[in-house]
């Protein structure tokens, strides 16, 4: 387990002489750690003043509207 963590740390550590991480050299993309992604997600939610409860309610309303449209389409197809 410690070897895996050591290799991960080595692969994601910035190397100053070449200016890239080994991951960037191989895949030509930067590696994003899960903590970085979680931080960016939290920042986006905070920046947009996003309320998760309100978004959940909005999704429920949209799903109900879709269900009503589906029911109307089914009824009109029976005629």
PDB file of N, CA and C in Angstrom:
ATOM      1  N   UNK A   1       0.822  -1.186   0.000  1.00  0.00           N
ATOM      2  CA  UNK A   1       0.000   0.000   0.000  1.00  0.00           C
ATOM      3  C   UNK A   1       0.868   1.254   0.000  1.00  0.00           C
ATOM      4  N   UNK A   2       1.945   1.242   0.792  1.00  0.00           N
ATOM      5  CA  UNK A   2       2.805   2.417   0.860  1.00  0.00           C
ATOM      6  C   UNK A   2       3.535   2.640  -0.455  1.00  0.00           C
ATOM      7  N   UNK A   3       3.861   1.551  -1.167  1.00  0.00           N
ATOM      8  CA  UNK A   3       4.529   1.695  -2.455  1.00  0.00           C
ATOM      9  C   UNK A   3       3.604   2.381  -3.454  1.00  0.00           C
ATOM     10  N   UNK A   4       2.329   2.000  -3.464  1.00  0.00           N
ATOM     11  CA  UNK A   4       1.359   2.648  -4.353  1.00  0.00           C
ATOM     12  C   UNK A   4       1.275   4.144  -4.073  1.00  0.00           C
ATOM     13  N   UNK A   5       1.223   4.489  -2.799  1.00  0.00           N
ATOM     14  CA  UNK A   5       1.138   5.899  -2.430  1.00  0.00           C
ATOM     15  C   UNK A   5       2.401   6.649  -2.809  1.00  0.00           C
ATOM     16  N   UNK A   6       3.554   6.003  -2.653  1.00  0.00           N
ATOM     17  CA  UNK A   6       4.819   6.648  -3.013  1.00  0.00           C
ATOM     18  C   UNK A   6       4.899   6.867  -4.522  1.00  0.00           C
ATOM     19  N   UNK A   7       4.485   5.884  -5.294  1.00  0.00           N
ATOM     20  CA  UNK A   7       4.503   6.036  -6.755  1.00  0.00           C
ATOM     21  C   UNK A   7       3.527   7.112  -7.205  1.00  0.00           C
ATOM     22  N   UNK A   8       2.357   7.152  -6.586  1.00  0.00           N
ATOM     23  CA  UNK A   8       1.371   8.185  -6.925  1.00  0.00           C
ATOM     24  C   UNK A   8       1.927   9.568  -6.614  1.00  0.00           C
ATOM     25  N   UNK A   9       2.567   9.693  -5.462  1.00  0.00           N
ATOM     26  CA  UNK A   9       3.154  10.980  -5.084  1.00  0.00           C
ATOM     27  C   UNK A   9       4.243  11.384  -6.072  1.00  0.00           C
ATOM     28  N   UNK A  10       5.059  10.423  -6.496  1.00  0.00           N
ATOM     29  CA  UNK A  10       6.124  10.735  -7.449  1.00  0.00           C
ATOM     30  C   UNK A  10       5.545  11.160  -8.798  1.00  0.00           C
ATOM     31  N   UNK A  11       4.509  10.470  -9.254  1.00  0.00           N
ATOM     32  CA  UNK A  11       3.938  10.761 -10.568  1.00  0.00           C
ATOM     33  C   UNK A  11       3.220  12.101 -10.612  1.00  0.00           C
ATOM     34  N   UNK A  12       2.717  12.548  -9.497  1.00  0.00           N
ATOM     35  CA  UNK A  12       1.948  13.795  -9.496  1.00  0.00           C
ATOM     36  C   UNK A  12       2.738  14.990  -8.977  1.00  0.00           C
ATOM     37  N   UNK A  13       4.002  14.777  -8.618  1.00  0.00           N
ATOM     38  CA  UNK A  13       4.834  15.863  -8.105  1.00  0.00           C
ATOM     39  C   UNK A  13       5.446  16.638  -9.263  1.00  0.00           C
ATOM     40  N   UNK A  14       5.402  17.936  -9.167  1.00  0.00           N
ATOM     41  CA  UNK A  14       5.939  18.829 -10.195  1.00  0.00           C
ATOM     42  C   UNK A  14       7.458  18.763 -10.178  1.00  0.00           C
ATOM     43  N   UNK A  15       8.067  18.534 -11.320  1.00  0.00           N
ATOM     44  CA  UNK A  15       9.525  18.478 -11.446  1.00  0.00           C
ATOM     45  C   UNK A  15      10.011  19.781 -12.061  1.00  0.00           C
ATOM     46  N   UNK A  16      10.792  20.552 -11.310  1.00  0.00           N
ATOM     47  CA  UNK A  16      11.190  21.889 -11.769  1.00  0.00           C
ATOM     48  C   UNK A  16      12.161  21.898 -12.951  1.00  0.00           C
ATOM     49  N   UNK A  17      13.132  20.983 -13.092  1.00  0.00           N
ATOM     50  CA  UNK A  17      14.030  21.078 -14.260  1.00  0.00           C
ATOM     51  C   UNK A  17      13.302  20.950 -15.602  1.00  0.00           C
ATOM     52  N   UNK A  18      12.302  20.083 -15.673  1.00  0.00           N
ATOM     53  CA  UNK A  18      11.583  19.915 -16.936  1.00  0.00           C
ATOM     54  C   UNK A  18      10.264  20.679 -16.951  1.00  0.00           C
ATOM     55  N   UNK A  19       9.796  21.102 -15.792  1.00  0.00           N
ATOM     56  CA  UNK A  19       8.570  21.889 -15.709  1.00  0.00           C
ATOM     57  C   UNK A  19       7.304  21.083 -15.883  1.00  0.00           C
ATOM     58  N   UNK A  20       7.392  19.773 -15.769  1.00  0.00           N
ATOM     59  CA  UNK A  20       6.228  18.903 -15.926  1.00  0.00           C
ATOM     60  C   UNK A  20       6.268  17.789 -14.896  1.00  0.00           C
ATOM     61  N   UNK A  21       5.125  17.164 -14.690  1.00  0.00           N
ATOM     62  CA  UNK A  21       5.100  15.941 -13.893  1.00  0.00           C
ATOM     63  C   UNK A  21       5.287  14.772 -14.850  1.00  0.00           C
ATOM     64  N   UNK A  22       5.722  13.614 -14.356  1.00  0.00           N
ATOM     65  CA  UNK A  22       5.822  12.448 -15.238  1.00  0.00           C
ATOM     66  C   UNK A  22       4.488  12.117 -15.915  1.00  0.00           C
ATOM     67  N   UNK A  23       3.388  12.313 -15.207  1.00  0.00           N
ATOM     68  CA  UNK A  23       2.061  12.075 -15.781  1.00  0.00           C
ATOM     69  C   UNK A  23       1.829  12.981 -16.984  1.00  0.00           C
ATOM     70  N   UNK A  24       2.212  14.260 -16.860  1.00  0.00           N
ATOM     71  CA  UNK A  24       2.041  15.206 -17.967  1.00  0.00           C
ATOM     72  C   UNK A  24       2.913  14.824 -19.157  1.00  0.00           C
ATOM     73  N   UNK A  25       4.100  14.315 -18.890  1.00  0.00           N
ATOM     74  CA  UNK A  25       4.985  13.921 -19.986  1.00  0.00           C
ATOM     75  C   UNK A  25       4.389  12.770 -20.785  1.00  0.00           C
ATOM     76  N   UNK A  26       3.785  11.817 -20.093  1.00  0.00           N
ATOM     77  CA  UNK A  26       3.246  10.633 -20.764  1.00  0.00           C
ATOM     78  C   UNK A  26       1.924  10.936 -21.462  1.00  0.00           C
ATOM     79  N   UNK A  27       0.990  11.577 -20.750  1.00  0.00           N
ATOM     80  CA  UNK A  27      -0.367  11.753 -21.262  1.00  0.00           C
ATOM     81  C   UNK A  27      -0.647  13.139 -21.841  1.00  0.00           C
ATOM     82  N   UNK A  28       0.307  14.037 -21.757  1.00  0.00           N
ATOM     83  CA  UNK A  28       0.181  15.401 -22.269  1.00  0.00           C
ATOM     84  C   UNK A  28      -1.003  16.149 -21.652  1.00  0.00           C
ATOM     85  N   UNK A  29      -1.387  15.767 -20.456  1.00  0.00           N
ATOM     86  CA  UNK A  29      -2.452  16.424 -19.701  1.00  0.00           C
ATOM     87  C   UNK A  29      -2.015  16.491 -18.251  1.00  0.00           C
ATOM     88  N   UNK A  30      -2.544  17.462 -17.527  1.00  0.00           N
ATOM     89  CA  UNK A  30      -2.222  17.518 -16.105  1.00  0.00           C
ATOM     90  C   UNK A  30      -3.115  16.548 -15.348  1.00  0.00           C
ATOM     91  N   UNK A  31      -2.606  16.054 -14.257  1.00  0.00           N
ATOM     92  CA  UNK A  31      -3.339  15.106 -13.427  1.00  0.00           C
ATOM     93  C   UNK A  31      -4.059  15.876 -12.334  1.00  0.00           C
ATOM     94  N   UNK A  32      -5.348  15.649 -12.176  1.00  0.00           N
ATOM     95  CA  UNK A  32      -6.120  16.310 -11.131  1.00  0.00           C
ATOM     96  C   UNK A  32      -6.409  15.306 -10.025  1.00  0.00           C
ATOM     97  N   UNK A  33      -5.983  15.642  -8.841  1.00  0.00           N
ATOM     98  CA  UNK A  33      -6.223  14.781  -7.692  1.00  0.00           C
ATOM     99  C   UNK A  33      -7.672  14.921  -7.245  1.00  0.00           C
ATOM    100  N   UNK A  34      -8.236  13.898  -6.624  1.00  0.00           N
ATOM    101  CA  UNK A  34      -9.626  13.985  -6.163  1.00  0.00           C
ATOM    102  C   UNK A  34      -9.880  15.175  -5.240  1.00  0.00           C
ATOM    103  N   UNK A  35      -8.904  15.526  -4.421  1.00  0.00           N
ATOM    104  CA  UNK A  35      -9.074  16.668  -3.517  1.00  0.00           C
ATOM    105  C   UNK A  35      -9.189  17.956  -4.316  1.00  0.00           C
ATOM    106  N   UNK A  36      -8.391  18.079  -5.386  1.00  0.00           N
ATOM    107  CA  UNK A  36      -8.456  19.272  -6.228  1.00  0.00           C
ATOM    108  C   UNK A  36      -9.827  19.393  -6.878  1.00  0.00           C
ATOM    109  N   UNK A  37     -10.363  18.279  -7.358  1.00  0.00           N
ATOM    110  CA  UNK A  37     -11.673  18.302  -8.005  1.00  0.00           C
ATOM    111  C   UNK A  37     -12.766  18.663  -7.008  1.00  0.00           C
ATOM    112  N   UNK A  38     -12.654  18.122  -5.788  1.00  0.00           N
ATOM    113  CA  UNK A  38     -13.658  18.441  -4.771  1.00  0.00           C
ATOM    114  C   UNK A  38     -13.610  19.926  -4.431  1.00  0.00           C
ATOM    115  N   UNK A  39     -12.401  20.473  -4.337  1.00  0.00           N
ATOM    116  CA  UNK A  39     -12.246  21.895  -4.033  1.00  0.00           C
ATOM    117  C   UNK A  39     -12.840  22.745  -5.155  1.00  0.00           C
ATOM    118  N   UNK A  40     -12.586  22.367  -6.412  1.00  0.00           N
ATOM    119  CA  UNK A  40     -13.118  23.129  -7.543  1.00  0.00           C
ATOM    120  C   UNK A  40     -14.639  23.060  -7.579  1.00  0.00           C
ATOM    121  N   UNK A  41     -15.193  21.905  -7.247  1.00  0.00           N
ATOM    122  CA  UNK A  41     -16.645  21.759  -7.223  1.00  0.00           C
ATOM    123  C   UNK A  41     -17.251  22.642  -6.148  1.00  0.00           C
ATOM    124  N   UNK A  42     -16.647  22.628  -4.963  1.00  0.00           N
ATOM    125  CA  UNK A  42     -17.148  23.469  -3.878  1.00  0.00           C
ATOM    126  C   UNK A  42     -17.047  24.938  -4.256  1.00  0.00           C
ATOM    127  N   UNK A  43     -15.932  25.315  -4.886  1.00  0.00           N
ATOM    128  CA  UNK A  43     -15.746  26.713  -5.291  1.00  0.00           C
ATOM    129  C   UNK A  43     -16.816  27.118  -6.297  1.00  0.00           C
ATOM    130  N   UNK A  44     -17.110  26.246  -7.261  1.00  0.00           N
ATOM    131  CA  UNK A  44     -18.120  26.563  -8.272  1.00  0.00           C
ATOM    132  C   UNK A  44     -19.494  26.736  -7.626  1.00  0.00           C
ATOM    133  N   UNK A  45     -19.828  25.857  -6.694  1.00  0.00           N
ATOM    134  CA  UNK A  45     -21.114  25.978  -6.003  1.00  0.00           C
ATOM    135  C   UNK A  45     -21.190  27.279  -5.220  1.00  0.00           C
ATOM    136  N   UNK A  46     -20.108  27.613  -4.547  1.00  0.00           N
ATOM    137  CA  UNK A  46     -20.079  28.838  -3.760  1.00  0.00           C
ATOM    138  C   UNK A  46     -20.112  30.064  -4.667  1.00  0.00           C
ATOM    139  N   UNK A  47     -19.372  30.022  -5.772  1.00  0.00           N
ATOM    140  CA  UNK A  47     -19.294  31.147  -6.698  1.00  0.00           C
ATOM    141  C   UNK A  47     -20.649  31.429  -7.338  1.00  0.00           C
ATOM    142  N   UNK A  48     -21.359  30.383  -7.693  1.00  0.00           N
ATOM    143  CA  UNK A  48     -22.652  30.536  -8.357  1.00  0.00           C
ATOM    144  C   UNK A  48     -23.798  30.728  -7.365  1.00  0.00           C
ATOM    145  N   UNK A  49     -23.478  30.716  -6.079  1.00  0.00           N
ATOM    146  CA  UNK A  49     -24.492  30.847  -5.035  1.00  0.00           C
ATOM    147  C   UNK A  49     -25.571  29.781  -5.231  1.00  0.00           C
ATOM    148  N   UNK A  50     -25.139  28.564  -5.392  1.00  0.00           N
ATOM    149  CA  UNK A  50     -25.974  27.429  -5.743  1.00  0.00           C
ATOM    150  C   UNK A  50     -26.489  26.747  -4.482  1.00  0.00           C
ATOM    151  N   UNK A  51     -27.780  26.532  -4.407  1.00  0.00           N
ATOM    152  CA  UNK A  51     -28.389  25.845  -3.276  1.00  0.00           C
ATOM    153  C   UNK A  51     -28.782  24.442  -3.722  1.00  0.00           C
ATOM    154  N   UNK A  52     -28.188  23.433  -3.095  1.00  0.00           N
ATOM    155  CA  UNK A  52     -28.444  22.057  -3.505  1.00  0.00           C
ATOM    156  C   UNK A  52     -29.890  21.643  -3.268  1.00  0.00           C
ATOM    157  N   UNK A  53     -30.487  22.089  -2.192  1.00  0.00           N
ATOM    158  CA  UNK A  53     -31.887  21.728  -1.910  1.00  0.00           C
ATOM    159  C   UNK A  53     -32.823  22.313  -2.961  1.00  0.00           C
ATOM    160  N   UNK A  54     -32.581  23.557  -3.320  1.00  0.00           N
ATOM    161  CA  UNK A  54     -33.414  24.210  -4.333  1.00  0.00           C
ATOM    162  C   UNK A  54     -33.250  23.511  -5.680  1.00  0.00           C
ATOM    163  N   UNK A  55     -32.035  23.125  -6.012  1.00  0.00           N
ATOM    164  CA  UNK A  55     -31.794  22.428  -7.277  1.00  0.00           C
ATOM    165  C   UNK A  55     -32.494  21.075  -7.284  1.00  0.00           C
ATOM    166  N   UNK A  56     -32.484  20.384  -6.144  1.00  0.00           N
ATOM    167  CA  UNK A  56     -33.171  19.102  -6.050  1.00  0.00           C
ATOM    168  C   UNK A  56     -34.663  19.247  -6.273  1.00  0.00           C
ATOM    169  N   UNK A  57     -35.247  20.272  -5.689  1.00  0.00           N
ATOM    170  CA  UNK A  57     -36.678  20.522  -5.883  1.00  0.00           C
ATOM    171  C   UNK A  57     -36.983  20.863  -7.337  1.00  0.00           C
ATOM    172  N   UNK A  58     -36.110  21.638  -7.952  1.00  0.00           N
ATOM    173  CA  UNK A  58     -36.311  22.017  -9.354  1.00  0.00           C
ATOM    174  C   UNK A  58     -36.257  20.785 -10.261  1.00  0.00           C
ATOM    175  N   UNK A  59     -35.358  19.873  -9.970  1.00  0.00           N
ATOM    176  CA  UNK A  59     -35.264  18.647 -10.766  1.00  0.00           C
ATOM    177  C   UNK A  59     -36.529  17.812 -10.599  1.00  0.00           C
ATOM    178  N   UNK A  60     -37.063  17.748  -9.374  1.00  0.00           N
ATOM    179  CA  UNK A  60     -38.303  16.999  -9.150  1.00  0.00           C
ATOM    180  C   UNK A  60     -39.453  17.588  -9.957  1.00  0.00           C
ATOM    181  N   UNK A  61     -39.551  18.913  -9.986  1.00  0.00           N
ATOM    182  CA  UNK A  61     -40.608  19.577 -10.760  1.00  0.00           C
ATOM    183  C   UNK A  61     -40.452  19.258 -12.242  1.00  0.00           C
ATOM    184  N   UNK A  62     -39.220  19.313 -12.740  1.00  0.00           N
ATOM    185  CA  UNK A  62     -38.980  19.018 -14.152  1.00  0.00           C
ATOM    186  C   UNK A  62     -39.335  17.570 -14.479  1.00  0.00           C
ATOM    187  N   UNK A  63     -39.023  16.645 -13.573  1.00  0.00           N
ATOM    188  CA  UNK A  63     -39.376  15.244 -13.801  1.00  0.00           C
ATOM    189  C   UNK A  63     -40.890  15.049 -13.816  1.00  0.00           C
ATOM    190  N   UNK A  64     -41.606  15.755 -12.951  1.00  0.00           N
ATOM    191  CA  UNK A  64     -43.064  15.671 -12.947  1.00  0.00           C
ATOM    192  C   UNK A  64     -43.639  16.210 -14.253  1.00  0.00           C
ATOM    193  N   UNK A  65     -43.076  17.313 -14.747  1.00  0.00           N
ATOM    194  CA  UNK A  65     -43.542  17.876 -16.018  1.00  0.00           C
ATOM    195  C   UNK A  65     -43.289  16.900 -17.165  1.00  0.00           C
ATOM    196  N   UNK A  66     -42.131  16.249 -17.153  1.00  0.00           N
ATOM    197  CA  UNK A  66     -41.841  15.261 -18.195  1.00  0.00           C
ATOM    198  C   UNK A  66     -42.813  14.088 -18.125  1.00  0.00           C
ATOM    199  N   UNK A  67     -43.140  13.661 -16.913  1.00  0.00           N
ATOM    200  CA  UNK A  67     -44.090  12.562 -16.750  1.00  0.00           C
ATOM    201  C   UNK A  67     -45.468  12.953 -17.286  1.00  0.00           C
ATOM    202  N   UNK A  68     -45.882  14.190 -17.041  1.00  0.00           N
ATOM    203  CA  UNK A  68     -47.160  14.666 -17.568  1.00  0.00           C
ATOM    204  C   UNK A  68     -47.140  14.706 -19.095  1.00  0.00           C
ATOM    205  N   UNK A  69     -46.051  15.185 -19.670  1.00  0.00           N
ATOM    206  CA  UNK A  69     -45.938  15.220 -21.134  1.00  0.00           C
ATOM    207  C   UNK A  69     -45.964  13.815 -21.724  1.00  0.00           C
ATOM    208  N   UNK A  70     -45.311  12.882 -21.047  1.00  0.00           N
ATOM    209  CA  UNK A  70     -45.310  11.503 -21.518  1.00  0.00           C
ATOM    210  C   UNK A  70     -46.722  10.937 -21.481  1.00  0.00           C
ATOM    211  N   UNK A  71     -47.445  11.231 -20.415  1.00  0.00           N
ATOM    212  CA  UNK A  71     -48.826  10.763 -20.302  1.00  0.00           C
ATOM    213  C   UNK A  71     -49.711  11.354 -21.382  1.00  0.00           C
ATOM    214  N   UNK A  72     -49.539  12.644 -21.666  1.00  0.00           N
ATOM    215  CA  UNK A  72     -50.313  13.294 -22.726  1.00  0.00           C
ATOM    216  C   UNK A  72     -49.980  12.697 -24.089  1.00  0.00           C
ATOM    217  N   UNK A  73     -48.708  12.421 -24.327  1.00  0.00           N
ATOM    218  CA  UNK A  73     -48.312  11.823 -25.608  1.00  0.00           C
ATOM    219  C   UNK A  73     -48.907  10.427 -25.751  1.00  0.00           C
ATOM    220  N   UNK A  74     -48.938   9.673 -24.666  1.00  0.00           N
ATOM    221  CA  UNK A  74     -49.509   8.336 -24.706  1.00  0.00           C
ATOM    222  C   UNK A  74     -51.004   8.393 -24.995  1.00  0.00           C
ATOM    223  N   UNK A  75     -51.710   9.315 -24.333  1.00  0.00           N
ATOM    224  CA  UNK A  75     -53.150   9.451 -24.544  1.00  0.00           C
ATOM    225  C   UNK A  75     -53.464   9.880 -25.971  1.00  0.00           C
ATOM    226  N   UNK A  76     -52.675  10.780 -26.521  1.00  0.00           N
ATOM    227  CA  UNK A  76     -52.946  11.242 -27.886  1.00  0.00           C
ATOM    228  C   UNK A  76     -52.604  10.169 -28.920  1.00  0.00           C
ATOM    229  N   UNK A  77     -51.711   9.251 -28.583  1.00  0.00           N
ATOM    230  CA  UNK A  77     -51.370   8.194 -29.537  1.00  0.00           C
ATOM    231  C   UNK A  77     -52.445   7.117 -29.584  1.00  0.00           C
ATOM    232  N   UNK A  78     -53.279   7.004 -28.560  1.00  0.00           N
ATOM    233  CA  UNK A  78     -54.340   6.006 -28.533  1.00  0.00           C
ATOM    234  C   UNK A  78     -55.491   6.369 -29.457  1.00  0.00           C
ATOM    235  N   UNK A  79     -55.643   7.639 -29.765  1.00  0.00           N
ATOM    236  CA  UNK A  79     -56.764   8.070 -30.603  1.00  0.00           C
ATOM    237  C   UNK A  79     -56.534   7.620 -31.980  1.00  0.00           C
TER     238      UNK A  79
END
